[in-house]
Amino acid sequence: MPRPRRDPLGYASARVLEALLEAVLALEYLEKGYTRNAAGKAFQAWRALTGALLALEKIKLEKYVSNEERKWLIEVAIPRVPTSRLKPLSRLVERAGVRALLSLYR
């Protein structure tokens, strides 16, 4: 996978592809009746999509965070997308101008 610092567009493309594949798997599992597995795959798709948007909107996002948070955003949030911070990261992406991401969470 491309590194988000060196190639943000390549990283975002890989994460979008990951999100699409996870979503397809979620649908397949749902058709087979594996609802728990489908929910897990849908969550991973959302997480991957959030990572892609974080990488693409990094410059806009830096306006809304402090210097300390900026370092964490670049070193941790974008490459790993921690599950425990997913909802606040989604809010941050929406604040940067991407609409309807957080509504997926509700």
N, C-alpha and C. Protein backbone atom coordinates (compact mmCIF):
# COMPACT_ATOMS: atom_id res chain seq x y z
N MET A 1 0.85 -1.17 0.00
CA MET A 1 0.00 0.00 0.00
C MET A 1 0.90 1.24 0.00
N PRO A 2 0.56 2.22 -0.81
CA PRO A 2 1.34 3.46 -0.81
C PRO A 2 1.28 4.16 0.55
N ARG A 3 2.32 4.86 0.88
CA ARG A 3 2.37 5.59 2.14
C ARG A 3 1.65 6.93 1.98
N PRO A 4 0.82 7.29 2.96
CA PRO A 4 0.03 8.52 2.82
C PRO A 4 0.87 9.79 2.75
N ARG A 5 2.04 9.80 3.37
CA ARG A 5 2.88 11.01 3.31
C ARG A 5 3.51 11.19 1.94
N ARG A 6 3.92 10.10 1.34
CA ARG A 6 4.62 10.17 0.05
C ARG A 6 3.67 10.27 -1.13
N ASP A 7 2.59 9.53 -1.06
CA ASP A 7 1.65 9.47 -2.18
C ASP A 7 0.21 9.46 -1.67
N PRO A 8 -0.30 10.63 -1.26
CA PRO A 8 -1.66 10.65 -0.70
C PRO A 8 -2.74 10.18 -1.69
N LEU A 9 -2.57 10.49 -2.95
CA LEU A 9 -3.57 10.08 -3.94
C LEU A 9 -3.54 8.56 -4.14
N GLY A 10 -2.35 7.99 -4.20
CA GLY A 10 -2.23 6.54 -4.32
C GLY A 10 -2.78 5.83 -3.10
N TYR A 11 -2.50 6.38 -1.91
CA TYR A 11 -3.01 5.82 -0.66
C TYR A 11 -4.54 5.87 -0.66
N ALA A 12 -5.09 7.03 -1.03
CA ALA A 12 -6.55 7.18 -1.05
C ALA A 12 -7.18 6.22 -2.06
N SER A 13 -6.54 6.05 -3.21
CA SER A 13 -7.07 5.12 -4.22
C SER A 13 -7.09 3.69 -3.68
N ALA A 14 -6.02 3.30 -3.01
CA ALA A 14 -5.96 1.95 -2.43
C ALA A 14 -7.02 1.77 -1.36
N ARG A 15 -7.23 2.80 -0.54
CA ARG A 15 -8.24 2.69 0.52
C ARG A 15 -9.66 2.66 -0.05
N VAL A 16 -9.91 3.38 -1.14
CA VAL A 16 -11.23 3.34 -1.78
C VAL A 16 -11.47 1.95 -2.37
N LEU A 17 -10.44 1.38 -3.00
CA LEU A 17 -10.57 0.02 -3.52
C LEU A 17 -10.84 -0.96 -2.39
N GLU A 18 -10.13 -0.80 -1.28
CA GLU A 18 -10.37 -1.64 -0.11
C GLU A 18 -11.81 -1.50 0.38
N ALA A 19 -12.31 -0.27 0.42
CA ALA A 19 -13.68 -0.03 0.87
C ALA A 19 -14.68 -0.73 -0.05
N LEU A 20 -14.45 -0.65 -1.34
CA LEU A 20 -15.36 -1.30 -2.29
C LEU A 20 -15.34 -2.82 -2.13
N LEU A 21 -14.15 -3.38 -1.96
CA LEU A 21 -14.06 -4.84 -1.80
C LEU A 21 -14.72 -5.29 -0.50
N GLU A 22 -14.51 -4.53 0.57
CA GLU A 22 -15.15 -4.87 1.85
C GLU A 22 -16.67 -4.78 1.74
N ALA A 23 -17.15 -3.77 1.02
CA ALA A 23 -18.60 -3.61 0.84
C ALA A 23 -19.19 -4.77 0.03
N VAL A 24 -18.48 -5.19 -1.00
CA VAL A 24 -18.95 -6.33 -1.79
C VAL A 24 -18.99 -7.59 -0.93
N LEU A 25 -17.96 -7.80 -0.13
CA LEU A 25 -17.95 -8.95 0.78
C LEU A 25 -19.11 -8.87 1.77
N ALA A 26 -19.38 -7.67 2.27
CA ALA A 26 -20.49 -7.49 3.21
C ALA A 26 -21.81 -7.90 2.55
N LEU A 27 -22.01 -7.50 1.31
CA LEU A 27 -23.24 -7.88 0.61
C LEU A 27 -23.32 -9.39 0.38
N GLU A 28 -22.19 -9.99 0.03
CA GLU A 28 -22.19 -11.45 -0.17
C GLU A 28 -22.52 -12.18 1.13
N TYR A 29 -21.91 -11.73 2.22
CA TYR A 29 -22.19 -12.36 3.51
C TYR A 29 -23.66 -12.17 3.91
N LEU A 30 -24.19 -10.99 3.62
CA LEU A 30 -25.58 -10.72 3.95
C LEU A 30 -26.53 -11.63 3.17
N GLU A 31 -26.22 -11.84 1.90
CA GLU A 31 -27.05 -12.74 1.08
C GLU A 31 -27.04 -14.16 1.63
N LYS A 32 -25.93 -14.57 2.21
CA LYS A 32 -25.80 -15.93 2.76
C LYS A 32 -26.36 -16.03 4.18
N GLY A 33 -26.74 -14.88 4.74
CA GLY A 33 -27.32 -14.90 6.08
C GLY A 33 -26.31 -14.71 7.20
N TYR A 34 -25.08 -14.39 6.85
CA TYR A 34 -24.04 -14.17 7.85
C TYR A 34 -24.05 -12.69 8.27
N THR A 35 -25.03 -12.33 9.05
CA THR A 35 -25.22 -10.92 9.37
C THR A 35 -24.08 -10.34 10.21
N ARG A 36 -23.56 -11.12 11.12
CA ARG A 36 -22.47 -10.60 11.96
C ARG A 36 -21.22 -10.34 11.12
N ASN A 37 -20.89 -11.26 10.23
CA ASN A 37 -19.74 -11.05 9.35
C ASN A 37 -19.98 -9.88 8.40
N ALA A 38 -21.21 -9.76 7.92
CA ALA A 38 -21.56 -8.66 7.02
C ALA A 38 -21.41 -7.32 7.72
N ALA A 39 -21.82 -7.25 8.97
CA ALA A 39 -21.69 -6.00 9.72
C ALA A 39 -20.23 -5.63 9.91
N GLY A 40 -19.40 -6.62 10.19
CA GLY A 40 -17.97 -6.37 10.35
C GLY A 40 -17.33 -5.86 9.07
N LYS A 41 -17.69 -6.45 7.95
CA LYS A 41 -17.15 -6.01 6.66
C LYS A 41 -17.65 -4.61 6.29
N ALA A 42 -18.91 -4.32 6.60
CA ALA A 42 -19.43 -2.98 6.33
C ALA A 42 -18.69 -1.94 7.17
N PHE A 43 -18.39 -2.28 8.41
CA PHE A 43 -17.63 -1.38 9.27
C PHE A 43 -16.23 -1.16 8.70
N GLN A 44 -15.58 -2.22 8.24
CA GLN A 44 -14.24 -2.07 7.66
C GLN A 44 -14.28 -1.24 6.38
N ALA A 45 -15.35 -1.35 5.63
CA ALA A 45 -15.50 -0.52 4.43
C ALA A 45 -15.60 0.96 4.81
N TRP A 46 -16.38 1.25 5.84
CA TRP A 46 -16.52 2.64 6.30
C TRP A 46 -15.19 3.17 6.82
N ARG A 47 -14.47 2.34 7.54
CA ARG A 47 -13.17 2.73 8.08
C ARG A 47 -12.18 3.03 6.95
N ALA A 48 -12.15 2.20 5.92
CA ALA A 48 -11.26 2.41 4.78
C ALA A 48 -11.64 3.68 4.02
N LEU A 49 -12.93 3.91 3.85
CA LEU A 49 -13.38 5.12 3.16
C LEU A 49 -13.00 6.37 3.96
N THR A 50 -13.13 6.30 5.26
CA THR A 50 -12.72 7.42 6.11
C THR A 50 -11.23 7.69 5.96
N GLY A 51 -10.42 6.65 5.92
CA GLY A 51 -8.98 6.81 5.72
C GLY A 51 -8.65 7.48 4.40
N ALA A 52 -9.37 7.10 3.35
CA ALA A 52 -9.16 7.72 2.04
C ALA A 52 -9.50 9.20 2.07
N LEU A 53 -10.62 9.53 2.70
CA LEU A 53 -11.03 10.94 2.78
C LEU A 53 -10.07 11.76 3.64
N LEU A 54 -9.57 11.16 4.70
CA LEU A 54 -8.59 11.86 5.54
C LEU A 54 -7.33 12.20 4.73
N ALA A 55 -6.89 11.26 3.93
CA ALA A 55 -5.69 11.49 3.11
C ALA A 55 -5.93 12.56 2.06
N LEU A 56 -7.10 12.51 1.42
CA LEU A 56 -7.40 13.49 0.37
C LEU A 56 -7.62 14.89 0.91
N GLU A 57 -8.18 14.99 2.10
CA GLU A 57 -8.52 16.30 2.67
C GLU A 57 -7.52 16.77 3.73
N LYS A 58 -6.33 16.20 3.74
CA LYS A 58 -5.35 16.50 4.79
C LYS A 58 -5.06 18.00 4.91
N ILE A 59 -4.89 18.68 3.82
CA ILE A 59 -4.56 20.12 3.87
C ILE A 59 -5.71 20.90 4.50
N LYS A 60 -6.94 20.60 4.13
CA LYS A 60 -8.09 21.28 4.74
C LYS A 60 -8.21 20.94 6.22
N LEU A 61 -7.95 19.68 6.56
CA LEU A 61 -8.09 19.24 7.95
C LEU A 61 -7.09 19.92 8.87
N GLU A 62 -5.91 20.22 8.36
CA GLU A 62 -4.88 20.84 9.19
C GLU A 62 -5.30 22.22 9.71
N LYS A 63 -6.25 22.86 9.04
CA LYS A 63 -6.75 24.16 9.49
C LYS A 63 -7.55 24.06 10.78
N TYR A 64 -8.14 22.88 11.02
CA TYR A 64 -9.06 22.71 12.14
C TYR A 64 -8.44 22.08 13.37
N VAL A 65 -7.16 21.76 13.32
CA VAL A 65 -6.53 21.09 14.45
C VAL A 65 -5.31 21.87 14.92
N SER A 66 -4.93 21.64 16.19
CA SER A 66 -3.74 22.29 16.73
C SER A 66 -2.48 21.60 16.19
N ASN A 67 -1.32 22.16 16.51
CA ASN A 67 -0.06 21.57 16.04
C ASN A 67 0.13 20.15 16.57
N GLU A 68 -0.21 19.93 17.83
CA GLU A 68 -0.07 18.60 18.42
C GLU A 68 -1.02 17.61 17.74
N GLU A 69 -2.25 18.04 17.52
CA GLU A 69 -3.23 17.19 16.85
C GLU A 69 -2.84 16.94 15.40
N ARG A 70 -2.20 17.93 14.77
CA ARG A 70 -1.76 17.80 13.37
C ARG A 70 -0.74 16.66 13.25
N LYS A 71 0.19 16.62 14.20
CA LYS A 71 1.20 15.56 14.20
C LYS A 71 0.52 14.19 14.35
N TRP A 72 -0.43 14.09 15.26
CA TRP A 72 -1.16 12.83 15.46
C TRP A 72 -1.96 12.46 14.21
N LEU A 73 -2.55 13.45 13.59
CA LEU A 73 -3.34 13.22 12.37
C LEU A 73 -2.47 12.61 11.28
N ILE A 74 -1.29 13.17 11.09
CA ILE A 74 -0.40 12.71 10.02
C ILE A 74 0.23 11.36 10.34
N GLU A 75 0.65 11.18 11.60
CA GLU A 75 1.40 9.97 11.96
C GLU A 75 0.51 8.78 12.34
N VAL A 76 -0.68 9.06 12.88
CA VAL A 76 -1.51 7.96 13.38
C VAL A 76 -2.85 7.88 12.66
N ALA A 77 -3.58 8.97 12.65
CA ALA A 77 -4.97 8.93 12.17
C ALA A 77 -5.09 8.54 10.71
N ILE A 78 -4.32 9.16 9.85
CA ILE A 78 -4.45 8.87 8.42
C ILE A 78 -3.97 7.46 8.08
N PRO A 79 -2.79 7.04 8.53
CA PRO A 79 -2.37 5.69 8.14
C PRO A 79 -3.12 4.55 8.82
N ARG A 80 -3.60 4.76 10.05
CA ARG A 80 -4.20 3.65 10.80
C ARG A 80 -5.70 3.75 10.98
N VAL A 81 -6.25 4.93 11.01
CA VAL A 81 -7.66 5.19 11.26
C VAL A 81 -8.13 4.39 12.49
N PRO A 82 -7.72 4.83 13.68
CA PRO A 82 -8.08 4.09 14.89
C PRO A 82 -9.59 4.02 15.10
N THR A 83 -10.06 2.84 15.39
CA THR A 83 -11.49 2.60 15.59
C THR A 83 -12.05 3.48 16.70
N SER A 84 -11.30 3.66 17.77
CA SER A 84 -11.79 4.44 18.90
C SER A 84 -11.98 5.92 18.56
N ARG A 85 -11.36 6.40 17.51
CA ARG A 85 -11.46 7.81 17.12
C ARG A 85 -12.19 8.00 15.80
N LEU A 86 -12.86 6.96 15.34
CA LEU A 86 -13.49 7.01 14.02
C LEU A 86 -14.60 8.06 13.92
N LYS A 87 -15.44 8.14 14.93
CA LYS A 87 -16.53 9.12 14.88
C LYS A 87 -15.98 10.56 14.91
N PRO A 88 -15.04 10.91 15.82
CA PRO A 88 -14.48 12.27 15.77
C PRO A 88 -13.74 12.56 14.46
N LEU A 89 -13.07 11.57 13.90
CA LEU A 89 -12.40 11.77 12.62
C LEU A 89 -13.41 12.01 11.51
N SER A 90 -14.54 11.33 11.56
CA SER A 90 -15.60 11.55 10.58
C SER A 90 -16.17 12.96 10.70
N ARG A 91 -16.32 13.42 11.92
CA ARG A 91 -16.78 14.81 12.14
C ARG A 91 -15.79 15.81 11.54
N LEU A 92 -14.50 15.52 11.73
CA LEU A 92 -13.46 16.40 11.21
C LEU A 92 -13.50 16.44 9.68
N VAL A 93 -13.71 15.29 9.06
CA VAL A 93 -13.80 15.24 7.60
C VAL A 93 -15.02 16.02 7.13
N GLU A 94 -16.13 15.90 7.83
CA GLU A 94 -17.32 16.66 7.46
C GLU A 94 -17.09 18.16 7.63
N ARG A 95 -16.37 18.51 8.67
CA ARG A 95 -16.06 19.93 8.89
C ARG A 95 -15.21 20.50 7.76
N ALA A 96 -14.39 19.64 7.15
CA ALA A 96 -13.54 20.08 6.03
C ALA A 96 -14.33 20.18 4.73
N GLY A 97 -15.58 19.75 4.72
CA GLY A 97 -16.40 19.95 3.54
C GLY A 97 -16.99 18.70 2.92
N VAL A 98 -16.66 17.52 3.42
CA VAL A 98 -17.24 16.28 2.88
C VAL A 98 -18.54 16.03 3.63
N ARG A 99 -19.64 16.07 2.95
CA ARG A 99 -20.95 15.93 3.59
C ARG A 99 -21.40 14.47 3.62
N ALA A 100 -22.24 14.17 4.57
CA ALA A 100 -22.94 12.89 4.70
C ALA A 100 -22.08 11.73 5.16
N LEU A 101 -20.84 11.93 5.57
CA LEU A 101 -20.04 10.82 6.07
C LEU A 101 -20.53 10.38 7.43
N LEU A 102 -20.79 11.32 8.30
CA LEU A 102 -21.22 10.97 9.65
C LEU A 102 -22.62 10.37 9.65
N SER A 103 -23.43 10.72 8.66
CA SER A 103 -24.78 10.15 8.62
C SER A 103 -24.74 8.64 8.37
N LEU A 104 -23.63 8.13 7.84
CA LEU A 104 -23.48 6.69 7.68
C LEU A 104 -23.36 6.02 9.04
N TYR A 105 -22.88 6.75 10.01
CA TYR A 105 -22.66 6.20 11.35
C TYR A 105 -23.96 6.06 12.12
N ARG A 106 -24.91 6.92 11.83
CA ARG A 106 -26.17 6.94 12.60
C ARG A 106 -27.04 5.78 12.30
